[in-house]
Amino acid sequence: MRLLNIDAPELHHGTQAQECLGPEATAFLARRLPEGTTVTLAFDREREDRYGRTLAGVYEGDSLVNAEIAEAGLALPVLFEPNDRFYAAVVDASDDAERAGRGLFDPASGCGG
């Protein structure tokens, strides 16, 4: 599963070390969506990426989790055409995180924010 329109730091990136705030991004999703949480998947034009992962917006109730992780400053907006359905919401959420200095945008994080 890949959440559309976000680029979250990786725990590991090929042969490179984990990216800044990778563990925090993973922990955020684990807390936000513990095993057994009922979610709704919303799809865009492409339903799978080239690796066979499902591409979706993830809703828990009325809340778009893709945007929530961006609002926490733990993911950046990314656009891989033609999948733009959630992009505006993720950009708005990321802008809020940047204004507030959260996560990747916090100078104290050491991520270059």
PDB file of N, CA and C in Angstrom:
ATOM      1  N   MET A   1       0.849  -1.171   0.000  1.00  0.00           N
ATOM      2  CA  MET A   1       0.000   0.000   0.000  1.00  0.00           C
ATOM      3  C   MET A   1       0.893   1.232   0.000  1.00  0.00           C
ATOM      4  N   ARG A   2       0.549   2.188  -0.840  1.00  0.00           N
ATOM      5  CA  ARG A   2       1.248   3.472  -0.888  1.00  0.00           C
ATOM      6  C   ARG A   2       0.216   4.572  -0.797  1.00  0.00           C
ATOM      7  N   LEU A   3       0.391   5.480   0.161  1.00  0.00           N
ATOM      8  CA  LEU A   3      -0.507   6.616   0.302  1.00  0.00           C
ATOM      9  C   LEU A   3      -0.194   7.625  -0.798  1.00  0.00           C
ATOM     10  N   LEU A   4      -1.217   7.974  -1.558  1.00  0.00           N
ATOM     11  CA  LEU A   4      -1.025   8.871  -2.692  1.00  0.00           C
ATOM     12  C   LEU A   4      -0.683  10.290  -2.263  1.00  0.00           C
ATOM     13  N   ASN A   5       0.119  10.921  -3.079  1.00  0.00           N
ATOM     14  CA  ASN A   5       0.462  12.337  -3.008  1.00  0.00           C
ATOM     15  C   ASN A   5       1.263  12.737  -1.779  1.00  0.00           C
ATOM     16  N   ILE A   6       1.886  11.750  -1.118  1.00  0.00           N
ATOM     17  CA  ILE A   6       2.827  12.080  -0.048  1.00  0.00           C
ATOM     18  C   ILE A   6       4.151  11.372  -0.290  1.00  0.00           C
ATOM     19  N   ASP A   7       5.203  12.008   0.210  1.00  0.00           N
ATOM     20  CA  ASP A   7       6.537  11.423   0.206  1.00  0.00           C
ATOM     21  C   ASP A   7       7.026  11.473   1.645  1.00  0.00           C
ATOM     22  N   ALA A   8       6.908  10.357   2.332  1.00  0.00           N
ATOM     23  CA  ALA A   8       7.327  10.277   3.732  1.00  0.00           C
ATOM     24  C   ALA A   8       8.756   9.760   3.793  1.00  0.00           C
ATOM     25  N   PRO A   9       9.514  10.184   4.793  1.00  0.00           N
ATOM     26  CA  PRO A   9      10.884   9.689   4.933  1.00  0.00           C
ATOM     27  C   PRO A   9      10.902   8.178   5.120  1.00  0.00           C
ATOM     28  N   GLU A  10      11.897   7.571   4.535  1.00  0.00           N
ATOM     29  CA  GLU A  10      12.027   6.113   4.565  1.00  0.00           C
ATOM     30  C   GLU A  10      12.795   5.667   5.802  1.00  0.00           C
ATOM     31  N   LEU A  11      12.449   4.465   6.266  1.00  0.00           N
ATOM     32  CA  LEU A  11      13.249   3.850   7.328  1.00  0.00           C
ATOM     33  C   LEU A  11      14.586   3.404   6.772  1.00  0.00           C
ATOM     34  N   HIS A  12      14.589   2.967   5.554  1.00  0.00           N
ATOM     35  CA  HIS A  12      15.818   2.610   4.847  1.00  0.00           C
ATOM     36  C   HIS A  12      15.566   2.958   3.391  1.00  0.00           C
ATOM     37  N   HIS A  13      16.597   3.337   2.698  1.00  0.00           N
ATOM     38  CA  HIS A  13      16.441   3.773   1.312  1.00  0.00           C
ATOM     39  C   HIS A  13      17.515   3.083   0.484  1.00  0.00           C
ATOM     40  N   GLY A  14      17.188   1.888  -0.015  1.00  0.00           N
ATOM     41  CA  GLY A  14      18.189   1.106  -0.732  1.00  0.00           C
ATOM     42  C   GLY A  14      19.337   0.765   0.189  1.00  0.00           C
ATOM     43  N   THR A  15      20.530   1.170  -0.219  1.00  0.00           N
ATOM     44  CA  THR A  15      21.713   0.917   0.605  1.00  0.00           C
ATOM     45  C   THR A  15      22.018   2.086   1.528  1.00  0.00           C
ATOM     46  N   GLN A  16      21.228   3.161   1.425  1.00  0.00           N
ATOM     47  CA  GLN A  16      21.458   4.346   2.258  1.00  0.00           C
ATOM     48  C   GLN A  16      20.799   4.183   3.625  1.00  0.00           C
ATOM     49  N   ALA A  17      21.281   4.976   4.570  1.00  0.00           N
ATOM     50  CA  ALA A  17      20.721   4.961   5.917  1.00  0.00           C
ATOM     51  C   ALA A  17      19.306   5.518   5.900  1.00  0.00           C
ATOM     52  N   GLN A  18      18.585   5.279   6.988  1.00  0.00           N
ATOM     53  CA  GLN A  18      17.221   5.811   7.079  1.00  0.00           C
ATOM     54  C   GLN A  18      17.220   7.321   6.933  1.00  0.00           C
ATOM     55  N   GLU A  19      16.113   7.852   6.427  1.00  0.00           N
ATOM     56  CA  GLU A  19      15.987   9.287   6.221  1.00  0.00           C
ATOM     57  C   GLU A  19      15.505   9.966   7.502  1.00  0.00           C
ATOM     58  N   CYS A  20      15.796  11.248   7.593  1.00  0.00           N
ATOM     59  CA  CYS A  20      15.436  12.045   8.763  1.00  0.00           C
ATOM     60  C   CYS A  20      13.935  11.941   9.048  1.00  0.00           C
ATOM     61  N   LEU A  21      13.602  11.603  10.270  1.00  0.00           N
ATOM     62  CA  LEU A  21      12.239  11.429  10.786  1.00  0.00           C
ATOM     63  C   LEU A  21      11.522  10.215  10.197  1.00  0.00           C
ATOM     64  N   GLY A  22      12.250   9.303   9.584  1.00  0.00           N
ATOM     65  CA  GLY A  22      11.639   8.069   9.102  1.00  0.00           C
ATOM     66  C   GLY A  22      10.962   7.267  10.202  1.00  0.00           C
ATOM     67  N   PRO A  23      11.648   7.031  11.329  1.00  0.00           N
ATOM     68  CA  PRO A  23      10.991   6.295  12.415  1.00  0.00           C
ATOM     69  C   PRO A  23       9.770   7.025  12.961  1.00  0.00           C
ATOM     70  N   GLU A  24       9.845   8.348  13.020  1.00  0.00           N
ATOM     71  CA  GLU A  24       8.715   9.133  13.532  1.00  0.00           C
ATOM     72  C   GLU A  24       7.511   9.051  12.596  1.00  0.00           C
ATOM     73  N   ALA A  25       7.760   9.074  11.288  1.00  0.00           N
ATOM     74  CA  ALA A  25       6.665   8.955  10.320  1.00  0.00           C
ATOM     75  C   ALA A  25       6.000   7.580  10.427  1.00  0.00           C
ATOM     76  N   THR A  26       6.822   6.546  10.561  1.00  0.00           N
ATOM     77  CA  THR A  26       6.289   5.193  10.709  1.00  0.00           C
ATOM     78  C   THR A  26       5.480   5.073  11.995  1.00  0.00           C
ATOM     79  N   ALA A  27       6.005   5.624  13.086  1.00  0.00           N
ATOM     80  CA  ALA A  27       5.312   5.562  14.374  1.00  0.00           C
ATOM     81  C   ALA A  27       4.000   6.346  14.322  1.00  0.00           C
ATOM     82  N   PHE A  28       3.993   7.481  13.629  1.00  0.00           N
ATOM     83  CA  PHE A  28       2.771   8.274  13.488  1.00  0.00           C
ATOM     84  C   PHE A  28       1.665   7.427  12.858  1.00  0.00           C
ATOM     85  N   LEU A  29       1.991   6.752  11.750  1.00  0.00           N
ATOM     86  CA  LEU A  29       0.973   5.939  11.082  1.00  0.00           C
ATOM     87  C   LEU A  29       0.549   4.751  11.946  1.00  0.00           C
ATOM     88  N   ALA A  30       1.490   4.158  12.664  1.00  0.00           N
ATOM     89  CA  ALA A  30       1.153   3.024  13.534  1.00  0.00           C
ATOM     90  C   ALA A  30       0.206   3.459  14.658  1.00  0.00           C
ATOM     91  N   ARG A  31       0.440   4.653  15.210  1.00  0.00           N
ATOM     92  CA  ARG A  31      -0.456   5.175  16.252  1.00  0.00           C
ATOM     93  C   ARG A  31      -1.793   5.590  15.659  1.00  0.00           C
ATOM     94  N   ARG A  32      -1.741   6.210  14.496  1.00  0.00           N
ATOM     95  CA  ARG A  32      -2.957   6.747  13.875  1.00  0.00           C
ATOM     96  C   ARG A  32      -3.863   5.636  13.370  1.00  0.00           C
ATOM     97  N   LEU A  33      -3.263   4.590  12.848  1.00  0.00           N
ATOM     98  CA  LEU A  33      -4.037   3.484  12.283  1.00  0.00           C
ATOM     99  C   LEU A  33      -3.571   2.154  12.862  1.00  0.00           C
ATOM    100  N   PRO A  34      -3.864   1.919  14.134  1.00  0.00           N
ATOM    101  CA  PRO A  34      -3.449   0.641  14.710  1.00  0.00           C
ATOM    102  C   PRO A  34      -4.122  -0.520  13.984  1.00  0.00           C
ATOM    103  N   GLU A  35      -3.476  -1.670  14.045  1.00  0.00           N
ATOM    104  CA  GLU A  35      -4.014  -2.852  13.399  1.00  0.00           C
ATOM    105  C   GLU A  35      -5.476  -3.035  13.787  1.00  0.00           C
ATOM    106  N   GLY A  36      -6.300  -3.298  12.796  1.00  0.00           N
ATOM    107  CA  GLY A  36      -7.731  -3.499  13.037  1.00  0.00           C
ATOM    108  C   GLY A  36      -8.577  -2.254  12.813  1.00  0.00           C
ATOM    109  N   THR A  37      -7.938  -1.093  12.597  1.00  0.00           N
ATOM    110  CA  THR A  37      -8.688   0.132  12.338  1.00  0.00           C
ATOM    111  C   THR A  37      -9.421   0.010  11.006  1.00  0.00           C
ATOM    112  N   THR A  38     -10.676   0.389  10.996  1.00  0.00           N
ATOM    113  CA  THR A  38     -11.452   0.372   9.764  1.00  0.00           C
ATOM    114  C   THR A  38     -11.148   1.641   8.978  1.00  0.00           C
ATOM    115  N   VAL A  39     -10.726   1.456   7.744  1.00  0.00           N
ATOM    116  CA  VAL A  39     -10.423   2.583   6.868  1.00  0.00           C
ATOM    117  C   VAL A  39     -11.178   2.407   5.557  1.00  0.00           C
ATOM    118  N   THR A  40     -11.285   3.509   4.838  1.00  0.00           N
ATOM    119  CA  THR A  40     -11.855   3.488   3.494  1.00  0.00           C
ATOM    120  C   THR A  40     -10.767   3.917   2.529  1.00  0.00           C
ATOM    121  N   LEU A  41     -10.590   3.162   1.467  1.00  0.00           N
ATOM    122  CA  LEU A  41      -9.616   3.517   0.452  1.00  0.00           C
ATOM    123  C   LEU A  41     -10.337   4.239  -0.681  1.00  0.00           C
ATOM    124  N   ALA A  42      -9.736   5.343  -1.121  1.00  0.00           N
ATOM    125  CA  ALA A  42     -10.259   6.099  -2.258  1.00  0.00           C
ATOM    126  C   ALA A  42      -9.176   6.097  -3.329  1.00  0.00           C
ATOM    127  N   PHE A  43      -9.550   5.754  -4.516  1.00  0.00           N
ATOM    128  CA  PHE A  43      -8.574   5.571  -5.578  1.00  0.00           C
ATOM    129  C   PHE A  43      -8.574   6.752  -6.540  1.00  0.00           C
ATOM    130  N   ASP A  44      -7.481   6.860  -7.266  1.00  0.00           N
ATOM    131  CA  ASP A  44      -7.337   7.868  -8.309  1.00  0.00           C
ATOM    132  C   ASP A  44      -7.330   7.129  -9.646  1.00  0.00           C
ATOM    133  N   ARG A  45      -6.707   7.697 -10.635  1.00  0.00           N
ATOM    134  CA  ARG A  45      -6.743   7.093 -11.972  1.00  0.00           C
ATOM    135  C   ARG A  45      -5.959   5.789 -12.048  1.00  0.00           C
ATOM    136  N   GLU A  46      -4.789   5.745 -11.423  1.00  0.00           N
ATOM    137  CA  GLU A  46      -3.990   4.522 -11.394  1.00  0.00           C
ATOM    138  C   GLU A  46      -4.147   3.874 -10.031  1.00  0.00           C
ATOM    139  N   ARG A  47      -4.461   2.598 -10.019  1.00  0.00           N
ATOM    140  CA  ARG A  47      -4.703   1.898  -8.750  1.00  0.00           C
ATOM    141  C   ARG A  47      -3.493   1.158  -8.227  1.00  0.00           C
ATOM    142  N   GLU A  48      -2.455   0.999  -9.059  1.00  0.00           N
ATOM    143  CA  GLU A  48      -1.223   0.325  -8.627  1.00  0.00           C
ATOM    144  C   GLU A  48      -0.026   1.046  -9.195  1.00  0.00           C
ATOM    145  N   ASP A  49       1.096   0.982  -8.446  1.00  0.00           N
ATOM    146  CA  ASP A  49       2.338   1.532  -8.980  1.00  0.00           C
ATOM    147  C   ASP A  49       3.105   0.424  -9.706  1.00  0.00           C
ATOM    148  N   ARG A  50       4.270   0.764 -10.207  1.00  0.00           N
ATOM    149  CA  ARG A  50       5.033  -0.214 -10.997  1.00  0.00           C
ATOM    150  C   ARG A  50       5.538  -1.397 -10.164  1.00  0.00           C
ATOM    151  N   TYR A  51       5.463  -1.277  -8.837  1.00  0.00           N
ATOM    152  CA  TYR A  51       5.871  -2.364  -7.952  1.00  0.00           C
ATOM    153  C   TYR A  51       4.683  -3.220  -7.505  1.00  0.00           C
ATOM    154  N   GLY A  52       3.491  -2.895  -8.016  1.00  0.00           N
ATOM    155  CA  GLY A  52       2.298  -3.647  -7.658  1.00  0.00           C
ATOM    156  C   GLY A  52       1.645  -3.213  -6.357  1.00  0.00           C
ATOM    157  N   ARG A  53       2.108  -2.107  -5.785  1.00  0.00           N
ATOM    158  CA  ARG A  53       1.501  -1.610  -4.543  1.00  0.00           C
ATOM    159  C   ARG A  53       0.205  -0.880  -4.867  1.00  0.00           C
ATOM    160  N   THR A  54      -0.788  -1.046  -4.018  1.00  0.00           N
ATOM    161  CA  THR A  54      -2.038  -0.323  -4.156  1.00  0.00           C
ATOM    162  C   THR A  54      -1.795   1.149  -3.846  1.00  0.00           C
ATOM    163  N   LEU A  55      -2.324   2.029  -4.697  1.00  0.00           N
ATOM    164  CA  LEU A  55      -2.211   3.479  -4.517  1.00  0.00           C
ATOM    165  C   LEU A  55      -3.566   4.011  -4.085  1.00  0.00           C
ATOM    166  N   ALA A  56      -3.607   4.747  -2.965  1.00  0.00           N
ATOM    167  CA  ALA A  56      -4.910   5.198  -2.478  1.00  0.00           C
ATOM    168  C   ALA A  56      -4.793   6.381  -1.532  1.00  0.00           C
ATOM    169  N   GLY A  57      -5.904   7.052  -1.406  1.00  0.00           N
ATOM    170  CA  GLY A  57      -6.127   7.956  -0.287  1.00  0.00           C
ATOM    171  C   GLY A  57      -6.730   7.100   0.807  1.00  0.00           C
ATOM    172  N   VAL A  58      -6.282   7.290   2.035  1.00  0.00           N
ATOM    173  CA  VAL A  58      -6.772   6.494   3.152  1.00  0.00           C
ATOM    174  C   VAL A  58      -7.591   7.398   4.070  1.00  0.00           C
ATOM    175  N   TYR A  59      -8.841   7.033   4.236  1.00  0.00           N
ATOM    176  CA  TYR A  59      -9.740   7.768   5.124  1.00  0.00           C
ATOM    177  C   TYR A  59     -10.051   6.923   6.337  1.00  0.00           C
ATOM    178  N   GLU A  60     -10.009   7.564   7.486  1.00  0.00           N
ATOM    179  CA  GLU A  60     -10.517   6.971   8.714  1.00  0.00           C
ATOM    180  C   GLU A  60     -11.631   7.924   9.124  1.00  0.00           C
ATOM    181  N   GLY A  61     -12.849   7.463   8.982  1.00  0.00           N
ATOM    182  CA  GLY A  61     -13.987   8.368   9.130  1.00  0.00           C
ATOM    183  C   GLY A  61     -13.947   9.380   7.988  1.00  0.00           C
ATOM    184  N   ASP A  62     -14.053  10.662   8.330  1.00  0.00           N
ATOM    185  CA  ASP A  62     -14.004  11.727   7.321  1.00  0.00           C
ATOM    186  C   ASP A  62     -12.607  12.305   7.153  1.00  0.00           C
ATOM    187  N   SER A  63     -11.635  11.762   7.844  1.00  0.00           N
ATOM    188  CA  SER A  63     -10.295  12.333   7.862  1.00  0.00           C
ATOM    189  C   SER A  63      -9.376  11.637   6.857  1.00  0.00           C
ATOM    190  N   LEU A  64      -8.725  12.447   6.014  1.00  0.00           N
ATOM    191  CA  LEU A  64      -7.766  11.936   5.037  1.00  0.00           C
ATOM    192  C   LEU A  64      -6.411  11.777   5.724  1.00  0.00           C
ATOM    193  N   VAL A  65      -6.021  10.553   5.975  1.00  0.00           N
ATOM    194  CA  VAL A  65      -4.774  10.262   6.688  1.00  0.00           C
ATOM    195  C   VAL A  65      -3.570  10.757   5.890  1.00  0.00           C
ATOM    196  N   ASN A  66      -3.638  10.716   4.563  1.00  0.00           N
ATOM    197  CA  ASN A  66      -2.548  11.226   3.726  1.00  0.00           C
ATOM    198  C   ASN A  66      -2.240  12.673   4.112  1.00  0.00           C
ATOM    199  N   ALA A  67      -3.274  13.489   4.276  1.00  0.00           N
ATOM    200  CA  ALA A  67      -3.084  14.892   4.652  1.00  0.00           C
ATOM    201  C   ALA A  67      -2.647  15.024   6.106  1.00  0.00           C
ATOM    202  N   GLU A  68      -3.136  14.160   6.971  1.00  0.00           N
ATOM    203  CA  GLU A  68      -2.764  14.231   8.389  1.00  0.00           C
ATOM    204  C   GLU A  68      -1.261  14.073   8.595  1.00  0.00           C
ATOM    205  N   ILE A  69      -0.655  13.131   7.893  1.00  0.00           N
ATOM    206  CA  ILE A  69       0.783  12.922   8.073  1.00  0.00           C
ATOM    207  C   ILE A  69       1.563  14.123   7.537  1.00  0.00           C
ATOM    208  N   ALA A  70       1.059  14.746   6.475  1.00  0.00           N
ATOM    209  CA  ALA A  70       1.693  15.967   5.962  1.00  0.00           C
ATOM    210  C   ALA A  70       1.523  17.114   6.942  1.00  0.00           C
ATOM    211  N   GLU A  71       0.359  17.205   7.569  1.00  0.00           N
ATOM    212  CA  GLU A  71       0.102  18.271   8.537  1.00  0.00           C
ATOM    213  C   GLU A  71       0.981  18.123   9.783  1.00  0.00           C
ATOM    214  N   ALA A  72       1.369  16.902  10.092  1.00  0.00           N
ATOM    215  CA  ALA A  72       2.284  16.657  11.210  1.00  0.00           C
ATOM    216  C   ALA A  72       3.730  16.980  10.823  1.00  0.00           C
ATOM    217  N   GLY A  73       3.942  17.287   9.542  1.00  0.00           N
ATOM    218  CA  GLY A  73       5.288  17.592   9.075  1.00  0.00           C
ATOM    219  C   GLY A  73       6.125  16.343   8.841  1.00  0.00           C
ATOM    220  N   LEU A  74       5.463  15.212   8.663  1.00  0.00           N
ATOM    221  CA  LEU A  74       6.172  13.944   8.515  1.00  0.00           C
ATOM    222  C   LEU A  74       6.090  13.380   7.104  1.00  0.00           C
ATOM    223  N   ALA A  75       5.634  14.193   6.163  1.00  0.00           N
ATOM    224  CA  ALA A  75       5.601  13.823   4.745  1.00  0.00           C
ATOM    225  C   ALA A  75       5.485  15.099   3.937  1.00  0.00           C
ATOM    226  N   LEU A  76       5.999  15.038   2.730  1.00  0.00           N
ATOM    227  CA  LEU A  76       5.925  16.176   1.817  1.00  0.00           C
ATOM    228  C   LEU A  76       5.001  15.837   0.656  1.00  0.00           C
ATOM    229  N   PRO A  77       4.393  16.849   0.055  1.00  0.00           N
ATOM    230  CA  PRO A  77       3.554  16.585  -1.110  1.00  0.00           C
ATOM    231  C   PRO A  77       4.394  16.087  -2.277  1.00  0.00           C
ATOM    232  N   VAL A  78       3.831  15.166  -3.028  1.00  0.00           N
ATOM    233  CA  VAL A  78       4.478  14.685  -4.236  1.00  0.00           C
ATOM    234  C   VAL A  78       3.384  14.389  -5.259  1.00  0.00           C
ATOM    235  N   LEU A  79       3.695  14.688  -6.506  1.00  0.00           N
ATOM    236  CA  LEU A  79       2.726  14.486  -7.572  1.00  0.00           C
ATOM    237  C   LEU A  79       3.338  13.606  -8.644  1.00  0.00           C
ATOM    238  N   PHE A  80       2.748  12.447  -8.832  1.00  0.00           N
ATOM    239  CA  PHE A  80       3.101  11.559  -9.928  1.00  0.00           C
ATOM    240  C   PHE A  80       1.861  11.456 -10.801  1.00  0.00           C
ATOM    241  N   GLU A  81       1.869  12.230 -11.882  1.00  0.00           N
ATOM    242  CA  GLU A  81       0.713  12.248 -12.788  1.00  0.00           C
ATOM    243  C   GLU A  81       0.401  10.845 -13.263  1.00  0.00           C
ATOM    244  N   PRO A  82      -0.844  10.511 -13.449  1.00  0.00           N
ATOM    245  CA  PRO A  82      -2.013  11.390 -13.422  1.00  0.00           C
ATOM    246  C   PRO A  82      -2.714  11.423 -12.068  1.00  0.00           C
ATOM    247  N   ASN A  83      -2.087  10.885 -11.022  1.00  0.00           N
ATOM    248  CA  ASN A  83      -2.752  10.767  -9.710  1.00  0.00           C
ATOM    249  C   ASN A  83      -2.621  12.046  -8.895  1.00  0.00           C
ATOM    250  N   ASP A  84      -3.609  12.927  -9.030  1.00  0.00           N
ATOM    251  CA  ASP A  84      -3.576  14.217  -8.342  1.00  0.00           C
ATOM    252  C   ASP A  84      -4.761  14.437  -7.413  1.00  0.00           C
ATOM    253  N   ARG A  85      -5.560  13.422  -7.198  1.00  0.00           N
ATOM    254  CA  ARG A  85      -6.814  13.571  -6.456  1.00  0.00           C
ATOM    255  C   ARG A  85      -6.639  14.168  -5.056  1.00  0.00           C
ATOM    256  N   PHE A  86      -5.599  13.792  -4.348  1.00  0.00           N
ATOM    257  CA  PHE A  86      -5.410  14.229  -2.957  1.00  0.00           C
ATOM    258  C   PHE A  86      -4.322  15.294  -2.826  1.00  0.00           C
ATOM    259  N   TYR A  87      -3.739  15.665  -3.944  1.00  0.00           N
ATOM    260  CA  TYR A  87      -2.574  16.557  -3.936  1.00  0.00           C
ATOM    261  C   TYR A  87      -2.870  17.899  -3.269  1.00  0.00           C
ATOM    262  N   ALA A  88      -3.954  18.553  -3.619  1.00  0.00           N
ATOM    263  CA  ALA A  88      -4.266  19.874  -3.047  1.00  0.00           C
ATOM    264  C   ALA A  88      -4.417  19.801  -1.528  1.00  0.00           C
ATOM    265  N   ALA A  89      -5.082  18.768  -1.043  1.00  0.00           N
ATOM    266  CA  ALA A  89      -5.256  18.617   0.403  1.00  0.00           C
ATOM    267  C   ALA A  89      -3.920  18.389   1.098  1.00  0.00           C
ATOM    268  N   VAL A  90      -3.044  17.612   0.473  1.00  0.00           N
ATOM    269  CA  VAL A  90      -1.724  17.343   1.051  1.00  0.00           C
ATOM    270  C   VAL A  90      -0.871  18.612   1.026  1.00  0.00           C
ATOM    271  N   VAL A  91      -0.929  19.377  -0.050  1.00  0.00           N
ATOM    272  CA  VAL A  91      -0.176  20.636  -0.126  1.00  0.00           C
ATOM    273  C   VAL A  91      -0.647  21.592   0.971  1.00  0.00           C
ATOM    274  N   ASP A  92      -1.949  21.744   1.140  1.00  0.00           N
ATOM    275  CA  ASP A  92      -2.478  22.629   2.189  1.00  0.00           C
ATOM    276  C   ASP A  92      -2.001  22.181   3.571  1.00  0.00           C
ATOM    277  N   ALA A  93      -2.051  20.878   3.818  1.00  0.00           N
ATOM    278  CA  ALA A  93      -1.625  20.345   5.115  1.00  0.00           C
ATOM    279  C   ALA A  93      -0.131  20.569   5.331  1.00  0.00           C
ATOM    280  N   SER A  94       0.659  20.358   4.303  1.00  0.00           N
ATOM    281  CA  SER A  94       2.103  20.569   4.402  1.00  0.00           C
ATOM    282  C   SER A  94       2.425  22.042   4.626  1.00  0.00           C
ATOM    283  N   ASP A  95       1.689  22.915   3.960  1.00  0.00           N
ATOM    284  CA  ASP A  95       1.873  24.355   4.175  1.00  0.00           C
ATOM    285  C   ASP A  95       1.599  24.726   5.631  1.00  0.00           C
ATOM    286  N   ASP A  96       0.573  24.115   6.232  1.00  0.00           N
ATOM    287  CA  ASP A  96       0.281  24.353   7.650  1.00  0.00           C
ATOM    288  C   ASP A  96       1.454  23.902   8.521  1.00  0.00           C
ATOM    289  N   ALA A  97       2.010  22.736   8.212  1.00  0.00           N
ATOM    290  CA  ALA A  97       3.152  22.221   8.976  1.00  0.00           C
ATOM    291  C   ALA A  97       4.355  23.139   8.837  1.00  0.00           C
ATOM    292  N   GLU A  98       4.576  23.648   7.636  1.00  0.00           N
ATOM    293  CA  GLU A  98       5.714  24.545   7.425  1.00  0.00           C
ATOM    294  C   GLU A  98       5.544  25.844   8.198  1.00  0.00           C
ATOM    295  N   ARG A  99       4.351  26.422   8.143  1.00  0.00           N
ATOM    296  CA  ARG A  99       4.092  27.664   8.891  1.00  0.00           C
ATOM    297  C   ARG A  99       4.292  27.468  10.391  1.00  0.00           C
ATOM    298  N   ALA A 100       3.901  26.289  10.889  1.00  0.00           N
ATOM    299  CA  ALA A 100       3.997  26.001  12.324  1.00  0.00           C
ATOM    300  C   ALA A 100       5.362  25.457  12.719  1.00  0.00           C
ATOM    301  N   GLY A 101       6.218  25.133  11.749  1.00  0.00           N
ATOM    302  CA  GLY A 101       7.541  24.584  12.055  1.00  0.00           C
ATOM    303  C   GLY A 101       7.495  23.188  12.636  1.00  0.00           C
ATOM    304  N   ARG A 102       6.566  22.367  12.145  1.00  0.00           N
ATOM    305  CA  ARG A 102       6.432  20.999  12.650  1.00  0.00           C
ATOM    306  C   ARG A 102       7.240  20.008  11.809  1.00  0.00           C
ATOM    307  N   GLY A 103       7.711  18.960  12.461  1.00  0.00           N
ATOM    308  CA  GLY A 103       8.332  17.828  11.782  1.00  0.00           C
ATOM    309  C   GLY A 103       9.530  18.217  10.947  1.00  0.00           C
ATOM    310  N   LEU A 104       9.474  17.901   9.662  1.00  0.00           N
ATOM    311  CA  LEU A 104      10.572  18.184   8.745  1.00  0.00           C
ATOM    312  C   LEU A 104      10.898  19.667   8.657  1.00  0.00           C
ATOM    313  N   PHE A 105       9.950  20.521   9.030  1.00  0.00           N
ATOM    314  CA  PHE A 105      10.132  21.968   8.957  1.00  0.00           C
ATOM    315  C   PHE A 105      10.627  22.569  10.274  1.00  0.00           C
ATOM    316  N   ASP A 106      10.809  21.737  11.281  1.00  0.00           N
ATOM    317  CA  ASP A 106      11.315  22.201  12.568  1.00  0.00           C
ATOM    318  C   ASP A 106      12.832  22.271  12.508  1.00  0.00           C
ATOM    319  N   PRO A 107      13.414  23.478  12.653  1.00  0.00           N
ATOM    320  CA  PRO A 107      14.868  23.582  12.598  1.00  0.00           C
ATOM    321  C   PRO A 107      15.573  22.659  13.593  1.00  0.00           C
ATOM    322  N   ALA A 108      14.932  22.373  14.718  1.00  0.00           N
ATOM    323  CA  ALA A 108      15.534  21.501  15.729  1.00  0.00           C
ATOM    324  C   ALA A 108      15.541  20.028  15.307  1.00  0.00           C
ATOM    325  N   SER A 109      14.797  19.685  14.264  1.00  0.00           N
ATOM    326  CA  SER A 109      14.734  18.281  13.832  1.00  0.00           C
ATOM    327  C   SER A 109      16.038  17.807  13.200  1.00  0.00           C
ATOM    328  N   GLY A 110      16.830  18.750  12.717  1.00  0.00           N
ATOM    329  CA  GLY A 110      18.062  18.383  12.043  1.00  0.00           C
ATOM    330  C   GLY A 110      17.847  17.914  10.611  1.00  0.00           C
ATOM    331  N   CYS A 111      16.636  18.139  10.098  1.00  0.00           N
ATOM    332  CA  CYS A 111      16.310  17.674   8.740  1.00  0.00           C
ATOM    333  C   CYS A 111      16.522  18.751   7.682  1.00  0.00           C
ATOM    334  N   GLY A 112      17.028  19.874   8.070  1.00  0.00           N
ATOM    335  CA  GLY A 112      17.248  20.946   7.113  1.00  0.00           C
ATOM    336  C   GLY A 112      16.041  21.859   6.974  1.00  0.00           C
ATOM    337  N   GLY A 113      15.067  21.758   7.907  1.00  0.00           N
ATOM    338  CA  GLY A 113      13.826  22.532   7.854  1.00  0.00           C
ATOM    339  C   GLY A 113      14.082  23.957   8.039  1.00  0.00           C
TER     340      GLY A 113
END
